[in-house]
């Protein structure tokens, strides 16, 4: 079973993946799809508020954040890491429980990232917004370092996230039942 997605003028067949016995999601993976990444970055930038820095969570949002930063004139982008690295100091960490990961995760930034965001206009970017847990974690990180969140964007809003009025997205992504029917 798959789902035909139309986004940024492109079509992609997304496989349906089991989350629980009664819930499936369409897997939208930007890794390895340069055409989708470039096109979606361009369309999101058309809708983006003025910003100084982009932040995303490791890892699926990285290609999108990079491409948006590049197309916006090589603006800085930051990746909130899933765990501390030996070169990071003065960490700020938050916990996140994402629908696509089977365990609680930690997102963190170090002093260098904090200094890059402090007092700046921050655009939060991700590939898909579903439960909003990753956004909440990124919001906490940006607020903790004194950044000013000017927008939250994603290529796709999945399920109930499409009804939110605090995010900007390109297309809705439905949820599916066990027989592939749209819920």
N, C-alpha and C. Protein backbone atom coordinates (compact mmCIF):
# COMPACT_ATOMS: atom_id res chain seq x y z
N UNK A 1 0.83 -1.18 0.00
CA UNK A 1 0.00 0.00 0.00
C UNK A 1 0.88 1.25 0.00
N UNK A 2 0.42 2.25 -0.73
CA UNK A 2 1.13 3.53 -0.71
C UNK A 2 0.13 4.67 -0.89
N UNK A 3 0.65 5.88 -0.73
CA UNK A 3 -0.16 7.09 -0.84
C UNK A 3 0.51 7.99 -1.86
N UNK A 4 -0.26 8.51 -2.82
CA UNK A 4 0.27 9.42 -3.83
C UNK A 4 0.23 10.84 -3.27
N UNK A 5 1.41 11.42 -3.07
CA UNK A 5 1.54 12.77 -2.55
C UNK A 5 1.88 13.72 -3.69
N UNK A 6 1.19 14.85 -3.73
CA UNK A 6 1.52 15.94 -4.64
C UNK A 6 1.99 17.10 -3.78
N UNK A 7 3.25 17.51 -3.95
CA UNK A 7 3.80 18.60 -3.15
C UNK A 7 4.80 19.38 -3.99
N UNK A 8 4.73 20.70 -3.94
CA UNK A 8 5.65 21.59 -4.65
C UNK A 8 5.74 21.24 -6.13
N UNK A 9 4.62 20.83 -6.72
CA UNK A 9 4.58 20.51 -8.14
C UNK A 9 5.14 19.15 -8.49
N UNK A 10 5.41 18.33 -7.50
CA UNK A 10 5.99 16.99 -7.73
C UNK A 10 5.08 15.92 -7.16
N UNK A 11 5.17 14.72 -7.72
CA UNK A 11 4.43 13.56 -7.20
C UNK A 11 5.40 12.55 -6.63
N UNK A 12 5.02 11.97 -5.50
CA UNK A 12 5.80 10.90 -4.88
C UNK A 12 4.85 9.87 -4.31
N UNK A 13 5.22 8.60 -4.43
CA UNK A 13 4.47 7.50 -3.82
C UNK A 13 5.11 7.21 -2.47
N UNK A 14 4.33 7.37 -1.39
CA UNK A 14 4.83 7.17 -0.05
C UNK A 14 4.33 5.84 0.51
N UNK A 15 5.23 5.00 0.99
CA UNK A 15 4.78 3.73 1.59
C UNK A 15 4.05 3.98 2.90
N UNK A 16 3.04 3.17 3.18
CA UNK A 16 2.34 3.25 4.45
C UNK A 16 3.06 2.38 5.47
N UNK A 17 3.30 2.94 6.65
CA UNK A 17 4.06 2.26 7.70
C UNK A 17 3.20 2.15 8.96
N UNK A 18 3.25 0.98 9.57
CA UNK A 18 2.44 0.70 10.75
C UNK A 18 2.99 1.40 11.98
N UNK A 19 2.12 2.17 12.66
CA UNK A 19 2.44 2.79 13.94
C UNK A 19 1.83 1.96 15.06
N UNK A 20 0.59 1.49 14.85
CA UNK A 20 -0.10 0.61 15.79
C UNK A 20 -1.03 -0.27 14.95
N UNK A 21 -1.78 -1.17 15.60
CA UNK A 21 -2.67 -2.06 14.86
C UNK A 21 -3.68 -1.31 14.01
N UNK A 22 -4.09 -0.13 14.46
CA UNK A 22 -5.12 0.62 13.74
C UNK A 22 -4.65 1.91 13.10
N UNK A 23 -3.35 2.17 13.15
CA UNK A 23 -2.84 3.45 12.64
C UNK A 23 -1.61 3.24 11.77
N UNK A 24 -1.67 3.81 10.58
CA UNK A 24 -0.54 3.79 9.65
C UNK A 24 -0.25 5.23 9.24
N UNK A 25 1.01 5.51 8.94
CA UNK A 25 1.38 6.81 8.41
C UNK A 25 2.08 6.62 7.07
N UNK A 26 2.00 7.64 6.23
CA UNK A 26 2.71 7.63 4.95
C UNK A 26 4.10 8.18 5.21
N UNK A 27 5.12 7.41 4.87
CA UNK A 27 6.51 7.77 5.17
C UNK A 27 7.04 8.75 4.13
N UNK A 28 7.23 9.99 4.57
CA UNK A 28 7.80 11.03 3.71
C UNK A 28 9.25 11.23 4.15
N UNK A 29 10.17 10.80 3.31
CA UNK A 29 11.59 10.87 3.63
C UNK A 29 12.29 11.72 2.58
N UNK A 30 12.83 12.86 3.00
CA UNK A 30 13.49 13.76 2.06
C UNK A 30 14.92 13.32 1.74
N UNK A 31 15.50 12.50 2.61
CA UNK A 31 16.85 12.02 2.33
C UNK A 31 16.86 11.38 0.94
N UNK A 32 17.88 11.66 0.17
CA UNK A 32 18.10 11.09 -1.17
C UNK A 32 17.19 11.67 -2.24
N UNK A 33 16.31 12.61 -1.92
CA UNK A 33 15.42 13.18 -2.93
C UNK A 33 15.72 14.67 -3.07
N UNK A 34 16.75 14.96 -3.82
CA UNK A 34 17.19 16.34 -4.00
C UNK A 34 16.11 17.17 -4.68
N UNK A 35 15.44 16.61 -5.66
CA UNK A 35 14.40 17.35 -6.38
C UNK A 35 13.30 17.83 -5.44
N UNK A 36 12.81 16.96 -4.57
CA UNK A 36 11.77 17.34 -3.62
C UNK A 36 12.31 18.36 -2.61
N UNK A 37 13.52 18.14 -2.13
CA UNK A 37 14.11 19.05 -1.14
C UNK A 37 14.23 20.46 -1.70
N UNK A 38 14.75 20.59 -2.89
CA UNK A 38 14.94 21.92 -3.51
C UNK A 38 13.58 22.58 -3.78
N UNK A 39 12.64 21.84 -4.33
CA UNK A 39 11.34 22.41 -4.66
C UNK A 39 10.57 22.82 -3.40
N UNK A 40 10.60 21.98 -2.39
CA UNK A 40 9.88 22.30 -1.15
C UNK A 40 10.52 23.48 -0.42
N UNK A 41 11.84 23.55 -0.42
CA UNK A 41 12.53 24.69 0.21
C UNK A 41 12.10 25.99 -0.46
N UNK A 42 12.05 25.99 -1.77
CA UNK A 42 11.66 27.18 -2.51
C UNK A 42 10.23 27.61 -2.17
N UNK A 43 9.31 26.65 -2.15
CA UNK A 43 7.90 26.96 -1.86
C UNK A 43 7.72 27.43 -0.41
N UNK A 44 8.46 26.83 0.53
CA UNK A 44 8.36 27.28 1.91
C UNK A 44 8.91 28.69 2.08
N UNK A 45 10.01 28.98 1.41
CA UNK A 45 10.59 30.33 1.51
C UNK A 45 9.64 31.40 0.99
N UNK A 46 8.82 31.06 0.02
CA UNK A 46 7.82 32.01 -0.48
C UNK A 46 6.82 32.39 0.61
N UNK A 47 6.61 31.50 1.58
CA UNK A 47 5.65 31.72 2.65
C UNK A 47 6.31 32.14 3.96
N UNK A 48 7.63 32.12 4.01
CA UNK A 48 8.36 32.33 5.27
C UNK A 48 8.36 33.80 5.70
N UNK A 49 8.24 34.03 7.01
CA UNK A 49 8.44 35.39 7.53
C UNK A 49 9.93 35.73 7.48
N UNK A 50 10.26 37.00 7.70
CA UNK A 50 11.67 37.40 7.77
C UNK A 50 12.34 36.65 8.93
N UNK A 51 13.54 36.14 8.69
CA UNK A 51 14.25 35.39 9.72
C UNK A 51 15.75 35.60 9.58
N UNK A 52 16.46 35.29 10.68
CA UNK A 52 17.92 35.38 10.68
C UNK A 52 18.57 34.00 10.68
N UNK A 53 17.96 33.04 11.38
CA UNK A 53 18.53 31.71 11.58
C UNK A 53 17.42 30.68 11.47
N UNK A 54 17.75 29.54 10.87
CA UNK A 54 16.85 28.39 10.82
C UNK A 54 17.34 27.37 11.83
N UNK A 55 16.40 26.72 12.52
CA UNK A 55 16.74 25.58 13.37
C UNK A 55 15.85 24.41 13.01
N UNK A 56 16.41 23.21 13.07
CA UNK A 56 15.66 21.98 12.85
C UNK A 56 16.18 20.93 13.83
N UNK A 57 15.42 19.87 13.96
CA UNK A 57 15.84 18.75 14.80
C UNK A 57 16.57 17.73 13.95
N UNK A 58 17.59 17.13 14.53
CA UNK A 58 18.29 16.03 13.86
C UNK A 58 17.28 14.89 13.70
N UNK A 59 17.04 14.32 12.57
CA UNK A 59 17.86 14.34 11.40
C UNK A 59 17.09 14.59 10.10
N UNK A 60 15.82 14.22 10.03
CA UNK A 60 15.13 14.30 8.73
C UNK A 60 14.92 15.72 8.22
N UNK A 61 14.93 16.71 9.09
CA UNK A 61 14.76 18.08 8.65
C UNK A 61 16.04 18.73 8.14
N UNK A 62 17.17 18.06 8.30
CA UNK A 62 18.46 18.67 7.95
C UNK A 62 18.55 19.06 6.48
N UNK A 63 18.23 18.18 5.53
CA UNK A 63 18.36 18.60 4.13
C UNK A 63 17.49 19.81 3.79
N UNK A 64 16.29 19.85 4.36
CA UNK A 64 15.38 20.97 4.11
C UNK A 64 15.93 22.26 4.71
N UNK A 65 16.39 22.21 5.96
CA UNK A 65 16.95 23.40 6.61
C UNK A 65 18.16 23.92 5.84
N UNK A 66 19.03 23.01 5.43
CA UNK A 66 20.21 23.40 4.66
C UNK A 66 19.79 24.11 3.36
N UNK A 67 18.87 23.49 2.63
CA UNK A 67 18.48 24.03 1.34
C UNK A 67 17.75 25.36 1.49
N UNK A 68 16.93 25.49 2.49
CA UNK A 68 16.26 26.78 2.73
C UNK A 68 17.29 27.85 3.08
N UNK A 69 18.26 27.52 3.92
CA UNK A 69 19.31 28.47 4.30
C UNK A 69 20.12 28.87 3.07
N UNK A 70 20.43 27.92 2.22
CA UNK A 70 21.20 28.20 0.99
C UNK A 70 20.41 29.12 0.07
N UNK A 71 19.14 28.76 -0.18
CA UNK A 71 18.32 29.56 -1.09
C UNK A 71 18.02 30.95 -0.54
N UNK A 72 18.07 31.10 0.77
CA UNK A 72 17.80 32.40 1.41
C UNK A 72 19.04 33.27 1.48
N UNK A 73 20.09 32.90 0.77
CA UNK A 73 21.31 33.71 0.75
C UNK A 73 22.37 33.24 1.72
N UNK A 74 22.42 31.94 1.95
CA UNK A 74 23.41 31.32 2.84
C UNK A 74 23.27 31.81 4.28
N UNK A 75 22.02 31.87 4.74
CA UNK A 75 21.78 32.22 6.14
C UNK A 75 22.20 31.03 7.01
N UNK A 76 22.49 31.28 8.27
CA UNK A 76 22.89 30.18 9.15
C UNK A 76 21.72 29.25 9.46
N UNK A 77 22.05 27.97 9.66
CA UNK A 77 21.06 27.02 10.15
C UNK A 77 21.71 26.18 11.24
N UNK A 78 20.88 25.77 12.17
CA UNK A 78 21.34 25.03 13.34
C UNK A 78 20.58 23.72 13.41
N UNK A 79 21.29 22.67 13.78
CA UNK A 79 20.69 21.36 13.99
C UNK A 79 20.71 21.07 15.48
N UNK A 80 19.52 20.92 16.07
CA UNK A 80 19.44 20.48 17.46
C UNK A 80 19.78 18.99 17.46
N UNK A 81 20.86 18.65 18.12
CA UNK A 81 21.39 17.29 18.07
C UNK A 81 20.60 16.36 18.99
N UNK A 82 20.59 15.06 18.64
CA UNK A 82 19.88 14.05 19.44
C UNK A 82 20.62 13.69 20.71
N UNK A 83 21.81 14.16 20.83
CA UNK A 83 22.58 13.90 22.04
C UNK A 83 23.83 14.75 22.02
N UNK A 84 24.44 14.94 23.18
CA UNK A 84 25.63 15.79 23.24
C UNK A 84 26.80 15.18 22.47
N UNK A 85 27.61 16.04 21.89
CA UNK A 85 28.83 15.64 21.20
C UNK A 85 30.01 16.17 21.99
N UNK A 86 31.17 15.56 21.84
CA UNK A 86 32.32 15.95 22.67
C UNK A 86 32.76 17.39 22.44
N UNK A 87 32.43 17.95 21.29
CA UNK A 87 32.83 19.33 20.99
C UNK A 87 31.80 20.35 21.47
N UNK A 88 30.71 19.90 22.05
CA UNK A 88 29.66 20.81 22.52
C UNK A 88 29.84 21.05 24.02
N UNK A 89 29.73 22.33 24.42
CA UNK A 89 29.80 22.63 25.84
C UNK A 89 28.65 23.55 26.24
N UNK A 90 28.43 23.68 27.54
CA UNK A 90 27.33 24.49 28.07
C UNK A 90 26.00 24.13 27.41
N UNK A 91 25.66 22.85 27.49
CA UNK A 91 24.48 22.33 26.81
C UNK A 91 23.16 22.79 27.41
N UNK A 92 22.20 22.95 26.52
CA UNK A 92 20.81 23.08 26.90
C UNK A 92 20.12 21.89 26.25
N UNK A 93 19.35 21.12 27.04
CA UNK A 93 18.69 19.93 26.51
C UNK A 93 17.20 19.95 26.83
N UNK A 94 16.42 19.32 25.95
CA UNK A 94 15.00 19.10 26.16
C UNK A 94 14.66 17.69 25.69
N UNK A 95 13.57 17.14 26.20
CA UNK A 95 13.12 15.81 25.80
C UNK A 95 12.03 15.93 24.76
N UNK A 96 11.96 14.92 23.88
CA UNK A 96 10.93 14.91 22.84
C UNK A 96 10.49 13.47 22.60
N UNK A 97 9.18 13.29 22.40
CA UNK A 97 8.59 11.98 22.13
C UNK A 97 7.91 12.07 20.77
N UNK A 98 8.60 11.63 19.71
CA UNK A 98 8.11 11.75 18.34
C UNK A 98 7.37 10.50 17.91
N UNK A 99 6.36 10.66 17.04
CA UNK A 99 5.57 9.53 16.56
C UNK A 99 6.41 8.56 15.72
N UNK A 100 7.49 9.03 15.09
CA UNK A 100 8.29 8.17 14.23
C UNK A 100 9.47 7.53 14.95
N UNK A 101 9.58 7.73 16.25
CA UNK A 101 10.65 7.12 17.03
C UNK A 101 10.02 6.36 18.19
N UNK A 102 10.54 5.17 18.47
CA UNK A 102 9.90 4.31 19.47
C UNK A 102 10.36 4.57 20.90
N UNK A 103 11.08 5.65 21.13
CA UNK A 103 11.55 5.95 22.49
C UNK A 103 11.69 7.46 22.67
N UNK A 104 11.77 7.88 23.91
CA UNK A 104 11.99 9.29 24.22
C UNK A 104 13.37 9.70 23.73
N UNK A 105 13.46 10.88 23.15
CA UNK A 105 14.73 11.40 22.66
C UNK A 105 15.08 12.69 23.38
N UNK A 106 16.34 13.07 23.25
CA UNK A 106 16.81 14.34 23.79
C UNK A 106 17.29 15.18 22.62
N UNK A 107 16.97 16.46 22.63
CA UNK A 107 17.53 17.41 21.67
C UNK A 107 18.38 18.40 22.46
N UNK A 108 19.52 18.77 21.88
CA UNK A 108 20.39 19.70 22.61
C UNK A 108 21.13 20.63 21.66
N UNK A 109 21.52 21.76 22.22
CA UNK A 109 22.39 22.71 21.54
C UNK A 109 23.47 23.12 22.53
N UNK A 110 24.60 23.53 21.98
CA UNK A 110 25.71 23.97 22.81
C UNK A 110 25.88 25.48 22.76
N UNK A 111 26.96 25.94 23.35
CA UNK A 111 27.21 27.38 23.45
C UNK A 111 27.25 28.06 22.08
N UNK A 112 27.91 27.45 21.11
CA UNK A 112 28.03 28.06 19.78
C UNK A 112 26.66 28.30 19.15
N UNK A 113 25.78 27.29 19.25
CA UNK A 113 24.43 27.41 18.69
C UNK A 113 23.62 28.44 19.49
N UNK A 114 23.78 28.43 20.79
CA UNK A 114 23.07 29.40 21.63
C UNK A 114 23.44 30.81 21.24
N UNK A 115 24.73 31.07 21.07
CA UNK A 115 25.18 32.41 20.72
C UNK A 115 24.66 32.83 19.35
N UNK A 116 24.54 31.88 18.43
CA UNK A 116 24.04 32.18 17.08
C UNK A 116 22.55 32.54 17.09
N UNK A 117 21.81 32.06 18.09
CA UNK A 117 20.36 32.30 18.14
C UNK A 117 19.95 33.43 19.07
N UNK A 118 20.76 33.76 20.03
CA UNK A 118 20.39 34.74 21.04
C UNK A 118 20.01 36.07 20.40
N UNK A 119 18.78 36.53 20.69
CA UNK A 119 18.30 37.80 20.19
C UNK A 119 17.97 37.82 18.70
N UNK A 120 18.04 36.69 18.03
CA UNK A 120 17.80 36.62 16.58
C UNK A 120 16.38 36.13 16.28
N UNK A 121 15.94 36.40 15.04
CA UNK A 121 14.65 35.90 14.54
C UNK A 121 14.87 34.46 14.05
N UNK A 122 14.19 33.53 14.71
CA UNK A 122 14.42 32.11 14.45
C UNK A 122 13.23 31.51 13.72
N UNK A 123 13.53 30.77 12.65
CA UNK A 123 12.53 30.03 11.89
C UNK A 123 12.73 28.55 12.18
N UNK A 124 11.72 27.92 12.75
CA UNK A 124 11.78 26.49 13.03
C UNK A 124 11.26 25.74 11.81
N UNK A 125 12.03 24.75 11.35
CA UNK A 125 11.70 24.02 10.12
C UNK A 125 11.78 22.52 10.38
N UNK A 126 10.83 21.79 9.80
CA UNK A 126 10.88 20.33 9.87
C UNK A 126 10.25 19.77 8.60
N UNK A 127 10.44 18.49 8.38
CA UNK A 127 9.87 17.87 7.19
C UNK A 127 8.37 17.63 7.35
N UNK A 128 7.98 17.04 8.49
CA UNK A 128 6.58 16.74 8.77
C UNK A 128 6.27 17.15 10.21
N UNK A 129 5.13 17.80 10.39
CA UNK A 129 4.63 18.07 11.73
C UNK A 129 3.44 17.15 11.93
N UNK A 130 3.51 16.35 12.99
CA UNK A 130 2.43 15.41 13.28
C UNK A 130 1.86 15.69 14.66
N UNK A 131 2.46 15.15 15.68
CA UNK A 131 1.97 15.38 17.05
C UNK A 131 2.38 16.74 17.56
N UNK A 132 3.42 17.33 16.98
CA UNK A 132 3.91 18.63 17.42
C UNK A 132 4.96 18.54 18.52
N UNK A 133 5.32 17.33 18.92
CA UNK A 133 6.28 17.16 20.00
C UNK A 133 7.66 17.71 19.64
N UNK A 134 8.11 17.48 18.42
CA UNK A 134 9.41 18.01 18.01
C UNK A 134 9.40 19.53 18.00
N UNK A 135 8.29 20.12 17.53
CA UNK A 135 8.16 21.58 17.54
C UNK A 135 8.22 22.13 18.96
N UNK A 136 7.51 21.48 19.86
CA UNK A 136 7.51 21.92 21.24
C UNK A 136 8.91 21.89 21.82
N UNK A 137 9.66 20.84 21.53
CA UNK A 137 11.04 20.74 22.02
C UNK A 137 11.91 21.84 21.42
N UNK A 138 11.77 22.11 20.13
CA UNK A 138 12.54 23.17 19.50
C UNK A 138 12.14 24.54 20.04
N UNK A 139 10.84 24.74 20.27
CA UNK A 139 10.37 25.99 20.89
C UNK A 139 11.07 26.20 22.23
N UNK A 140 11.12 25.16 23.05
CA UNK A 140 11.76 25.26 24.36
C UNK A 140 13.24 25.61 24.23
N UNK A 141 13.92 24.98 23.28
CA UNK A 141 15.34 25.28 23.08
C UNK A 141 15.55 26.73 22.67
N UNK A 142 14.78 27.19 21.69
CA UNK A 142 14.93 28.56 21.20
C UNK A 142 14.61 29.56 22.32
N UNK A 143 13.54 29.32 23.05
CA UNK A 143 13.19 30.22 24.15
C UNK A 143 14.25 30.22 25.24
N UNK A 144 14.85 29.07 25.51
CA UNK A 144 15.87 28.97 26.55
C UNK A 144 17.13 29.76 26.22
N UNK A 145 17.40 29.94 24.93
CA UNK A 145 18.61 30.68 24.53
C UNK A 145 18.32 32.13 24.19
N UNK A 146 17.07 32.55 24.31
CA UNK A 146 16.73 33.95 24.06
C UNK A 146 16.52 34.29 22.60
N UNK A 147 16.17 33.28 21.79
CA UNK A 147 15.83 33.54 20.40
C UNK A 147 14.38 33.96 20.28
N UNK A 148 14.04 34.63 19.18
CA UNK A 148 12.68 35.09 18.92
C UNK A 148 12.09 34.24 17.79
N UNK A 149 11.15 33.35 18.12
CA UNK A 149 10.55 32.48 17.12
C UNK A 149 9.60 33.30 16.25
N UNK A 150 9.90 33.35 14.94
CA UNK A 150 9.07 34.12 14.01
C UNK A 150 8.15 33.23 13.17
N UNK A 151 8.42 31.92 13.18
CA UNK A 151 7.58 31.01 12.41
C UNK A 151 7.99 29.58 12.62
N UNK A 152 7.01 28.69 12.36
CA UNK A 152 7.23 27.25 12.40
C UNK A 152 6.70 26.69 11.09
N UNK A 153 7.56 25.98 10.37
CA UNK A 153 7.20 25.53 9.03
C UNK A 153 7.53 24.07 8.82
N UNK A 154 6.77 23.45 7.93
CA UNK A 154 7.05 22.07 7.52
C UNK A 154 6.53 21.87 6.11
N UNK A 155 7.07 20.86 5.46
CA UNK A 155 6.56 20.51 4.15
C UNK A 155 5.13 19.98 4.30
N UNK A 156 4.93 19.10 5.28
CA UNK A 156 3.65 18.43 5.46
C UNK A 156 3.13 18.58 6.88
N UNK A 157 1.81 18.70 7.01
CA UNK A 157 1.13 18.66 8.31
C UNK A 157 0.30 17.38 8.31
N UNK A 158 0.60 16.50 9.23
CA UNK A 158 -0.02 15.18 9.26
C UNK A 158 -1.16 15.12 10.27
N UNK A 159 -2.27 14.52 9.84
CA UNK A 159 -3.40 14.33 10.74
C UNK A 159 -3.94 15.65 11.26
N UNK A 160 -4.16 15.72 12.60
CA UNK A 160 -4.72 16.91 13.23
C UNK A 160 -3.82 18.14 13.12
N UNK A 161 -2.54 17.95 12.86
CA UNK A 161 -1.64 19.10 12.74
C UNK A 161 -2.08 20.03 11.62
N UNK A 162 -2.77 19.50 10.62
CA UNK A 162 -3.24 20.33 9.50
C UNK A 162 -4.29 21.35 9.93
N UNK A 163 -4.87 21.14 11.12
CA UNK A 163 -5.87 22.08 11.63
C UNK A 163 -5.27 23.19 12.48
N UNK A 164 -3.98 23.12 12.74
CA UNK A 164 -3.33 24.14 13.56
C UNK A 164 -3.21 25.45 12.79
N UNK A 165 -3.31 26.57 13.50
CA UNK A 165 -3.15 27.86 12.84
C UNK A 165 -1.82 28.53 13.18
N UNK A 166 -0.96 27.81 13.91
CA UNK A 166 0.34 28.38 14.30
C UNK A 166 1.50 27.82 13.49
N UNK A 167 1.19 27.05 12.45
CA UNK A 167 2.26 26.49 11.60
C UNK A 167 1.96 26.82 10.14
N UNK A 168 3.03 26.84 9.36
CA UNK A 168 2.93 27.05 7.92
C UNK A 168 3.40 25.77 7.26
N UNK A 169 2.61 25.25 6.33
CA UNK A 169 2.98 24.00 5.65
C UNK A 169 2.51 24.04 4.20
N UNK A 170 3.05 23.12 3.41
CA UNK A 170 2.69 23.08 2.00
C UNK A 170 1.48 22.21 1.71
N UNK A 171 1.42 21.04 2.34
CA UNK A 171 0.32 20.11 2.06
C UNK A 171 -0.09 19.35 3.31
N UNK A 172 -1.32 18.88 3.31
CA UNK A 172 -1.83 18.01 4.36
C UNK A 172 -1.42 16.57 4.05
N UNK A 173 -1.14 15.81 5.09
CA UNK A 173 -0.83 14.38 4.94
C UNK A 173 -1.79 13.62 5.86
N UNK A 174 -2.67 12.83 5.27
CA UNK A 174 -3.64 12.13 6.11
C UNK A 174 -3.01 10.98 6.90
N UNK A 175 -3.76 10.52 7.90
CA UNK A 175 -3.44 9.30 8.62
C UNK A 175 -4.27 8.18 8.00
N UNK A 176 -3.85 6.93 8.22
CA UNK A 176 -4.49 5.80 7.55
C UNK A 176 -4.84 4.70 8.53
N UNK A 177 -5.90 3.94 8.20
CA UNK A 177 -6.27 2.75 8.96
C UNK A 177 -5.52 1.55 8.43
N UNK A 178 -5.75 0.40 9.05
CA UNK A 178 -4.99 -0.82 8.71
C UNK A 178 -5.23 -1.30 7.28
N UNK A 179 -6.33 -0.93 6.70
CA UNK A 179 -6.61 -1.33 5.31
C UNK A 179 -6.22 -0.27 4.30
N UNK A 180 -5.51 0.76 4.77
CA UNK A 180 -5.06 1.82 3.89
C UNK A 180 -6.06 2.93 3.68
N UNK A 181 -7.22 2.86 4.35
CA UNK A 181 -8.23 3.90 4.19
C UNK A 181 -7.79 5.14 4.96
N UNK A 182 -8.13 6.30 4.41
CA UNK A 182 -7.82 7.57 5.06
C UNK A 182 -8.74 7.73 6.25
N UNK A 183 -8.16 8.08 7.39
CA UNK A 183 -8.95 8.27 8.62
C UNK A 183 -9.50 9.69 8.67
